Amino acid sequence: MNAHVTRLTLAVAGVLALGIGAAITFAPDAFYVSYGIVLPAGADFYSEVRAPGANLALLGALIFLGALKADWTRFSATLGTAVFLAYAAGRIVSIVLDGIPSDAILLALVIELVVGVLCALSLKRARRPSILEENSRPAV
């Protein structure tokens, strides 16, 4: 996987996570109704939904930075791998414990698996600085 594919992968992963997180944070009803889920009313419930949405949005922004800044590539690829494969793992656990969800949720699972694996491949291919480069950096 070359640098352009890695940058594209991190850009797509970052935009996906940022966009979904922002939608959950600022328009949770509209986001979840697209999955056929109606959220119960209540400040406590919305707080519990919006908080992980904001978390996902922030993680998405950090993943996206890896597409823009070479110094962030490994970190962002690590975050992308963790975020997307964790979502996929959670959905798989839910399938085992709760049964098969809607087609929309299954599609989300497939997308999370694909993006998570692409991020993992980006992480594997991310250039590690040589020992000489590490030692030649000025102390901060």
N, C-alpha and C. Protein backbone atom coordinates (compact mmCIF):
# COMPACT_ATOMS: atom_id res chain seq x y z
N MET A 1 0.87 -1.18 0.00
CA MET A 1 0.00 0.00 0.00
C MET A 1 0.90 1.23 0.00
N ASN A 2 0.76 2.07 -1.02
CA ASN A 2 1.65 3.23 -1.09
C ASN A 2 1.10 4.40 -0.27
N ALA A 3 1.87 5.47 -0.23
CA ALA A 3 1.51 6.62 0.61
C ALA A 3 0.19 7.25 0.19
N HIS A 4 -0.09 7.28 -1.11
CA HIS A 4 -1.34 7.88 -1.58
C HIS A 4 -2.55 7.08 -1.11
N VAL A 5 -2.44 5.77 -1.17
CA VAL A 5 -3.55 4.91 -0.72
C VAL A 5 -3.72 5.05 0.79
N THR A 6 -2.62 5.13 1.51
CA THR A 6 -2.69 5.32 2.96
C THR A 6 -3.37 6.64 3.29
N ARG A 7 -2.99 7.71 2.60
CA ARG A 7 -3.61 9.01 2.85
C ARG A 7 -5.09 8.98 2.52
N LEU A 8 -5.45 8.33 1.42
CA LEU A 8 -6.86 8.22 1.04
C LEU A 8 -7.63 7.41 2.08
N THR A 9 -7.04 6.31 2.53
CA THR A 9 -7.68 5.48 3.55
C THR A 9 -7.94 6.28 4.82
N LEU A 10 -6.93 7.01 5.28
CA LEU A 10 -7.09 7.78 6.51
C LEU A 10 -8.07 8.94 6.32
N ALA A 11 -8.08 9.52 5.14
CA ALA A 11 -9.04 10.60 4.88
C ALA A 11 -10.46 10.07 4.91
N VAL A 12 -10.70 8.94 4.24
CA VAL A 12 -12.05 8.36 4.22
C VAL A 12 -12.46 7.92 5.62
N ALA A 13 -11.56 7.23 6.32
CA ALA A 13 -11.86 6.77 7.68
C ALA A 13 -12.15 7.96 8.60
N GLY A 14 -11.34 8.99 8.49
CA GLY A 14 -11.52 10.17 9.34
C GLY A 14 -12.83 10.89 9.06
N VAL A 15 -13.14 11.07 7.79
CA VAL A 15 -14.39 11.75 7.42
C VAL A 15 -15.59 10.93 7.86
N LEU A 16 -15.53 9.61 7.67
CA LEU A 16 -16.63 8.74 8.11
C LEU A 16 -16.86 8.88 9.62
N ALA A 17 -15.80 8.71 10.39
CA ALA A 17 -15.95 8.78 11.85
C ALA A 17 -16.38 10.17 12.30
N LEU A 18 -15.78 11.19 11.73
CA LEU A 18 -16.14 12.57 12.09
C LEU A 18 -17.59 12.86 11.72
N GLY A 19 -17.99 12.47 10.52
CA GLY A 19 -19.36 12.73 10.08
C GLY A 19 -20.40 11.99 10.88
N ILE A 20 -20.15 10.71 11.12
CA ILE A 20 -21.10 9.91 11.91
C ILE A 20 -21.14 10.43 13.35
N GLY A 21 -19.98 10.71 13.90
CA GLY A 21 -19.94 11.24 15.27
C GLY A 21 -20.65 12.57 15.39
N ALA A 22 -20.47 13.45 14.42
CA ALA A 22 -21.15 14.74 14.45
C ALA A 22 -22.66 14.56 14.32
N ALA A 23 -23.08 13.65 13.43
CA ALA A 23 -24.51 13.40 13.26
C ALA A 23 -25.14 12.86 14.55
N ILE A 24 -24.44 11.94 15.21
CA ILE A 24 -24.95 11.40 16.47
C ILE A 24 -24.99 12.49 17.54
N THR A 25 -23.99 13.35 17.56
CA THR A 25 -23.92 14.40 18.57
C THR A 25 -25.00 15.47 18.36
N PHE A 26 -25.17 15.91 17.13
CA PHE A 26 -26.04 17.07 16.89
C PHE A 26 -27.43 16.71 16.34
N ALA A 27 -27.60 15.52 15.79
CA ALA A 27 -28.90 15.13 15.24
C ALA A 27 -29.14 13.64 15.47
N PRO A 28 -29.13 13.21 16.73
CA PRO A 28 -29.24 11.77 17.00
C PRO A 28 -30.53 11.14 16.48
N ASP A 29 -31.64 11.83 16.60
CA ASP A 29 -32.91 11.27 16.13
C ASP A 29 -32.85 10.99 14.63
N ALA A 30 -32.40 11.97 13.86
CA ALA A 30 -32.32 11.81 12.41
C ALA A 30 -31.33 10.71 12.03
N PHE A 31 -30.21 10.64 12.74
CA PHE A 31 -29.22 9.60 12.44
C PHE A 31 -29.80 8.21 12.68
N TYR A 32 -30.36 8.00 13.85
CA TYR A 32 -30.82 6.66 14.19
C TYR A 32 -32.09 6.24 13.46
N VAL A 33 -32.94 7.20 13.07
CA VAL A 33 -34.13 6.83 12.32
C VAL A 33 -33.74 6.25 10.96
N SER A 34 -32.56 6.61 10.45
CA SER A 34 -32.09 6.04 9.19
C SER A 34 -31.83 4.54 9.33
N TYR A 35 -31.67 4.08 10.54
CA TYR A 35 -31.52 2.65 10.83
C TYR A 35 -32.83 2.02 11.29
N GLY A 36 -33.88 2.83 11.31
CA GLY A 36 -35.17 2.33 11.79
C GLY A 36 -35.28 2.30 13.30
N ILE A 37 -34.43 3.07 13.97
CA ILE A 37 -34.41 3.10 15.44
C ILE A 37 -34.99 4.43 15.92
N VAL A 38 -35.99 4.35 16.79
CA VAL A 38 -36.58 5.55 17.38
C VAL A 38 -36.03 5.66 18.80
N LEU A 39 -35.40 6.78 19.08
CA LEU A 39 -34.79 6.98 20.39
C LEU A 39 -35.83 7.43 21.41
N PRO A 40 -35.76 6.91 22.62
CA PRO A 40 -36.68 7.38 23.67
C PRO A 40 -36.30 8.79 24.10
N ALA A 41 -37.30 9.58 24.44
CA ALA A 41 -37.04 10.96 24.88
C ALA A 41 -36.43 10.96 26.27
N GLY A 42 -35.66 11.99 26.58
CA GLY A 42 -35.11 12.14 27.92
C GLY A 42 -33.69 12.65 27.87
N ALA A 43 -33.41 13.61 28.74
CA ALA A 43 -32.09 14.22 28.77
C ALA A 43 -31.00 13.21 29.11
N ASP A 44 -31.27 12.29 30.01
CA ASP A 44 -30.26 11.29 30.38
C ASP A 44 -29.89 10.42 29.19
N PHE A 45 -30.92 9.96 28.47
CA PHE A 45 -30.66 9.10 27.33
C PHE A 45 -29.87 9.85 26.26
N TYR A 46 -30.29 11.08 25.93
CA TYR A 46 -29.59 11.84 24.91
C TYR A 46 -28.15 12.14 25.31
N SER A 47 -27.92 12.37 26.59
CA SER A 47 -26.56 12.58 27.06
C SER A 47 -25.70 11.35 26.80
N GLU A 48 -26.28 10.19 27.05
CA GLU A 48 -25.56 8.93 26.84
C GLU A 48 -25.33 8.62 25.36
N VAL A 49 -26.15 9.16 24.49
CA VAL A 49 -25.98 8.97 23.06
C VAL A 49 -25.01 10.00 22.49
N ARG A 50 -25.17 11.25 22.90
CA ARG A 50 -24.34 12.33 22.35
C ARG A 50 -22.87 12.23 22.78
N ALA A 51 -22.61 11.77 23.99
CA ALA A 51 -21.22 11.70 24.48
C ALA A 51 -20.35 10.79 23.62
N PRO A 52 -20.76 9.54 23.34
CA PRO A 52 -19.92 8.73 22.44
C PRO A 52 -19.91 9.27 21.01
N GLY A 53 -20.96 9.98 20.62
CA GLY A 53 -20.96 10.62 19.30
C GLY A 53 -19.86 11.67 19.20
N ALA A 54 -19.74 12.49 20.24
CA ALA A 54 -18.68 13.50 20.27
C ALA A 54 -17.30 12.84 20.30
N ASN A 55 -17.19 11.75 21.03
CA ASN A 55 -15.94 11.00 21.09
C ASN A 55 -15.56 10.49 19.70
N LEU A 56 -16.53 9.92 19.00
CA LEU A 56 -16.27 9.41 17.65
C LEU A 56 -15.88 10.55 16.70
N ALA A 57 -16.53 11.69 16.83
CA ALA A 57 -16.19 12.84 15.98
C ALA A 57 -14.75 13.29 16.22
N LEU A 58 -14.35 13.38 17.48
CA LEU A 58 -12.97 13.78 17.80
C LEU A 58 -11.97 12.75 17.27
N LEU A 59 -12.26 11.47 17.46
CA LEU A 59 -11.37 10.44 16.94
C LEU A 59 -11.28 10.52 15.42
N GLY A 60 -12.40 10.80 14.77
CA GLY A 60 -12.39 10.97 13.33
C GLY A 60 -11.49 12.11 12.89
N ALA A 61 -11.54 13.22 13.60
CA ALA A 61 -10.67 14.35 13.27
C ALA A 61 -9.20 13.97 13.42
N LEU A 62 -8.87 13.21 14.46
CA LEU A 62 -7.49 12.78 14.67
C LEU A 62 -7.06 11.78 13.59
N ILE A 63 -7.96 10.90 13.19
CA ILE A 63 -7.65 9.97 12.10
C ILE A 63 -7.40 10.75 10.82
N PHE A 64 -8.24 11.74 10.54
CA PHE A 64 -8.11 12.54 9.34
C PHE A 64 -6.77 13.28 9.29
N LEU A 65 -6.26 13.70 10.43
CA LEU A 65 -4.97 14.40 10.46
C LEU A 65 -3.86 13.56 9.85
N GLY A 66 -3.97 12.25 9.96
CA GLY A 66 -2.96 11.37 9.37
C GLY A 66 -2.93 11.45 7.86
N ALA A 67 -4.03 11.87 7.25
CA ALA A 67 -4.05 12.05 5.79
C ALA A 67 -3.36 13.34 5.39
N LEU A 68 -3.26 14.26 6.32
CA LEU A 68 -2.68 15.58 6.02
C LEU A 68 -1.24 15.72 6.46
N LYS A 69 -0.88 15.06 7.56
CA LYS A 69 0.45 15.22 8.15
C LYS A 69 1.13 13.87 8.26
N ALA A 70 2.26 13.73 7.60
CA ALA A 70 2.98 12.46 7.58
C ALA A 70 3.38 12.02 8.99
N ASP A 71 3.67 12.96 9.86
CA ASP A 71 4.06 12.61 11.23
C ASP A 71 2.93 11.94 12.00
N TRP A 72 1.71 12.12 11.54
CA TRP A 72 0.54 11.56 12.22
C TRP A 72 0.10 10.22 11.63
N THR A 73 0.72 9.76 10.57
CA THR A 73 0.22 8.59 9.85
C THR A 73 0.08 7.37 10.75
N ARG A 74 1.13 6.99 11.45
CA ARG A 74 1.07 5.78 12.29
C ARG A 74 0.02 5.93 13.40
N PHE A 75 0.03 7.07 14.05
CA PHE A 75 -0.94 7.30 15.12
C PHE A 75 -2.36 7.23 14.58
N SER A 76 -2.61 7.91 13.47
CA SER A 76 -3.94 7.94 12.89
C SER A 76 -4.37 6.56 12.38
N ALA A 77 -3.45 5.84 11.79
CA ALA A 77 -3.77 4.48 11.32
C ALA A 77 -4.07 3.57 12.50
N THR A 78 -3.36 3.75 13.59
CA THR A 78 -3.64 2.97 14.80
C THR A 78 -5.03 3.29 15.33
N LEU A 79 -5.35 4.59 15.40
CA LEU A 79 -6.69 4.99 15.86
C LEU A 79 -7.77 4.45 14.93
N GLY A 80 -7.57 4.58 13.64
CA GLY A 80 -8.56 4.10 12.68
C GLY A 80 -8.79 2.61 12.81
N THR A 81 -7.72 1.86 12.97
CA THR A 81 -7.83 0.42 13.16
C THR A 81 -8.63 0.11 14.42
N ALA A 82 -8.26 0.75 15.51
CA ALA A 82 -8.94 0.51 16.79
C ALA A 82 -10.40 0.90 16.74
N VAL A 83 -10.70 2.08 16.22
CA VAL A 83 -12.07 2.58 16.21
C VAL A 83 -12.97 1.69 15.36
N PHE A 84 -12.57 1.44 14.13
CA PHE A 84 -13.46 0.71 13.22
C PHE A 84 -13.56 -0.77 13.56
N LEU A 85 -12.45 -1.39 13.97
CA LEU A 85 -12.54 -2.80 14.34
C LEU A 85 -13.25 -3.00 15.68
N ALA A 86 -13.17 -2.02 16.57
CA ALA A 86 -13.91 -2.11 17.83
C ALA A 86 -15.41 -2.05 17.57
N TYR A 87 -15.83 -1.14 16.69
CA TYR A 87 -17.25 -1.09 16.33
C TYR A 87 -17.69 -2.41 15.71
N ALA A 88 -16.89 -2.94 14.81
CA ALA A 88 -17.23 -4.22 14.17
C ALA A 88 -17.30 -5.33 15.21
N ALA A 89 -16.35 -5.36 16.13
CA ALA A 89 -16.35 -6.39 17.17
C ALA A 89 -17.60 -6.29 18.04
N GLY A 90 -17.96 -5.06 18.40
CA GLY A 90 -19.17 -4.87 19.20
C GLY A 90 -20.42 -5.37 18.48
N ARG A 91 -20.47 -5.12 17.18
CA ARG A 91 -21.63 -5.59 16.41
C ARG A 91 -21.65 -7.12 16.32
N ILE A 92 -20.49 -7.73 16.20
CA ILE A 92 -20.42 -9.19 16.15
C ILE A 92 -20.85 -9.79 17.48
N VAL A 93 -20.41 -9.20 18.57
CA VAL A 93 -20.86 -9.65 19.89
C VAL A 93 -22.38 -9.54 19.99
N SER A 94 -22.92 -8.44 19.50
CA SER A 94 -24.37 -8.24 19.54
C SER A 94 -25.10 -9.28 18.69
N ILE A 95 -24.54 -9.62 17.55
CA ILE A 95 -25.16 -10.66 16.72
C ILE A 95 -25.21 -11.98 17.48
N VAL A 96 -24.12 -12.32 18.13
CA VAL A 96 -24.05 -13.57 18.90
C VAL A 96 -25.04 -13.55 20.06
N LEU A 97 -25.10 -12.44 20.79
CA LEU A 97 -25.93 -12.37 21.99
C LEU A 97 -27.38 -11.98 21.73
N ASP A 98 -27.62 -11.16 20.69
CA ASP A 98 -28.95 -10.58 20.50
C ASP A 98 -29.65 -11.01 19.22
N GLY A 99 -28.93 -11.57 18.29
CA GLY A 99 -29.53 -11.97 17.02
C GLY A 99 -29.13 -11.05 15.88
N ILE A 100 -29.65 -11.37 14.72
CA ILE A 100 -29.30 -10.64 13.50
C ILE A 100 -30.05 -9.30 13.45
N PRO A 101 -29.31 -8.20 13.26
CA PRO A 101 -29.95 -6.88 13.16
C PRO A 101 -30.44 -6.62 11.73
N SER A 102 -30.90 -5.41 11.51
CA SER A 102 -31.41 -5.01 10.19
C SER A 102 -30.28 -5.01 9.15
N ASP A 103 -30.69 -4.97 7.89
CA ASP A 103 -29.72 -4.90 6.80
C ASP A 103 -28.84 -3.66 6.90
N ALA A 104 -29.41 -2.54 7.36
CA ALA A 104 -28.63 -1.31 7.50
C ALA A 104 -27.50 -1.48 8.51
N ILE A 105 -27.79 -2.15 9.60
CA ILE A 105 -26.76 -2.40 10.62
C ILE A 105 -25.72 -3.38 10.10
N LEU A 106 -26.16 -4.40 9.36
CA LEU A 106 -25.21 -5.35 8.78
C LEU A 106 -24.30 -4.65 7.76
N LEU A 107 -24.85 -3.71 7.00
CA LEU A 107 -24.03 -2.94 6.07
C LEU A 107 -23.00 -2.12 6.84
N ALA A 108 -23.42 -1.52 7.95
CA ALA A 108 -22.48 -0.76 8.78
C ALA A 108 -21.35 -1.68 9.26
N LEU A 109 -21.68 -2.90 9.64
CA LEU A 109 -20.67 -3.87 10.07
C LEU A 109 -19.66 -4.14 8.95
N VAL A 110 -20.15 -4.35 7.76
CA VAL A 110 -19.25 -4.63 6.62
C VAL A 110 -18.34 -3.42 6.37
N ILE A 111 -18.91 -2.23 6.37
CA ILE A 111 -18.11 -1.02 6.16
C ILE A 111 -17.06 -0.87 7.25
N GLU A 112 -17.45 -1.11 8.50
CA GLU A 112 -16.49 -1.00 9.61
C GLU A 112 -15.36 -2.01 9.47
N LEU A 113 -15.69 -3.23 9.06
CA LEU A 113 -14.66 -4.24 8.86
C LEU A 113 -13.70 -3.84 7.74
N VAL A 114 -14.25 -3.39 6.62
CA VAL A 114 -13.41 -3.00 5.49
C VAL A 114 -12.51 -1.82 5.85
N VAL A 115 -13.08 -0.78 6.44
CA VAL A 115 -12.29 0.40 6.79
C VAL A 115 -11.27 0.04 7.87
N GLY A 116 -11.66 -0.77 8.84
CA GLY A 116 -10.72 -1.18 9.88
C GLY A 116 -9.55 -1.97 9.33
N VAL A 117 -9.82 -2.88 8.40
CA VAL A 117 -8.74 -3.66 7.79
C VAL A 117 -7.85 -2.76 6.94
N LEU A 118 -8.44 -1.84 6.18
CA LEU A 118 -7.63 -0.90 5.39
C LEU A 118 -6.75 -0.04 6.29
N CYS A 119 -7.28 0.39 7.42
CA CYS A 119 -6.47 1.15 8.38
C CYS A 119 -5.35 0.28 8.94
N ALA A 120 -5.65 -0.98 9.22
CA ALA A 120 -4.61 -1.89 9.72
C ALA A 120 -3.51 -2.10 8.68
N LEU A 121 -3.89 -2.22 7.41
CA LEU A 121 -2.89 -2.33 6.35
C LEU A 121 -2.07 -1.05 6.23
N SER A 122 -2.73 0.09 6.41
CA SER A 122 -2.01 1.37 6.40
C SER A 122 -1.02 1.43 7.55
N LEU A 123 -1.43 0.94 8.69
CA LEU A 123 -0.54 0.92 9.85
C LEU A 123 0.66 0.03 9.58
N LYS A 124 0.41 -1.12 8.99
CA LYS A 124 1.50 -2.05 8.69
C LYS A 124 2.50 -1.43 7.73
N ARG A 125 1.98 -0.64 6.80
CA ARG A 125 2.84 -0.05 5.77
C ARG A 125 3.40 1.32 6.16
N ALA A 126 2.89 1.89 7.24
CA ALA A 126 3.37 3.23 7.62
C ALA A 126 4.86 3.17 7.90
N ARG A 127 5.55 4.09 7.33
CA ARG A 127 7.00 4.12 7.45
C ARG A 127 7.43 4.42 8.87
N ARG A 128 8.26 3.58 9.37
CA ARG A 128 8.85 3.82 10.69
C ARG A 128 10.18 4.54 10.48
N PRO A 129 10.46 5.55 11.29
CA PRO A 129 11.76 6.22 11.13
C PRO A 129 12.89 5.27 11.52
N SER A 130 13.98 5.37 10.79
CA SER A 130 15.14 4.54 11.12
C SER A 130 15.76 5.03 12.42
N ILE A 131 16.60 4.23 13.00
CA ILE A 131 17.26 4.59 14.25
C ILE A 131 18.12 5.85 14.04
N LEU A 132 18.69 5.99 12.85
CA LEU A 132 19.50 7.19 12.57
C LEU A 132 18.63 8.43 12.52
N GLU A 133 17.45 8.32 11.91
CA GLU A 133 16.54 9.47 11.86
C GLU A 133 16.05 9.83 13.26
N GLU A 134 15.74 8.84 14.05
CA GLU A 134 15.27 9.09 15.42
C GLU A 134 16.34 9.81 16.23
N ASN A 135 17.60 9.36 16.08
CA ASN A 135 18.70 9.95 16.85
C ASN A 135 19.13 11.31 16.32
N SER A 136 18.77 11.63 15.07
CA SER A 136 19.19 12.91 14.51
C SER A 136 18.17 14.03 14.77
N ARG A 137 17.04 13.68 15.32
CA ARG A 137 16.04 14.72 15.63
C ARG A 137 16.50 15.54 16.83
N PRO A 138 16.31 16.86 16.74
CA PRO A 138 16.73 17.69 17.86
C PRO A 138 15.87 17.41 19.09
N ALA A 139 16.48 17.50 20.24
CA ALA A 139 15.75 17.30 21.50
C ALA A 139 14.79 18.45 21.71
N VAL A 140 13.65 18.14 22.26
CA VAL A 140 12.64 19.18 22.50
C VAL A 140 12.70 19.64 23.92
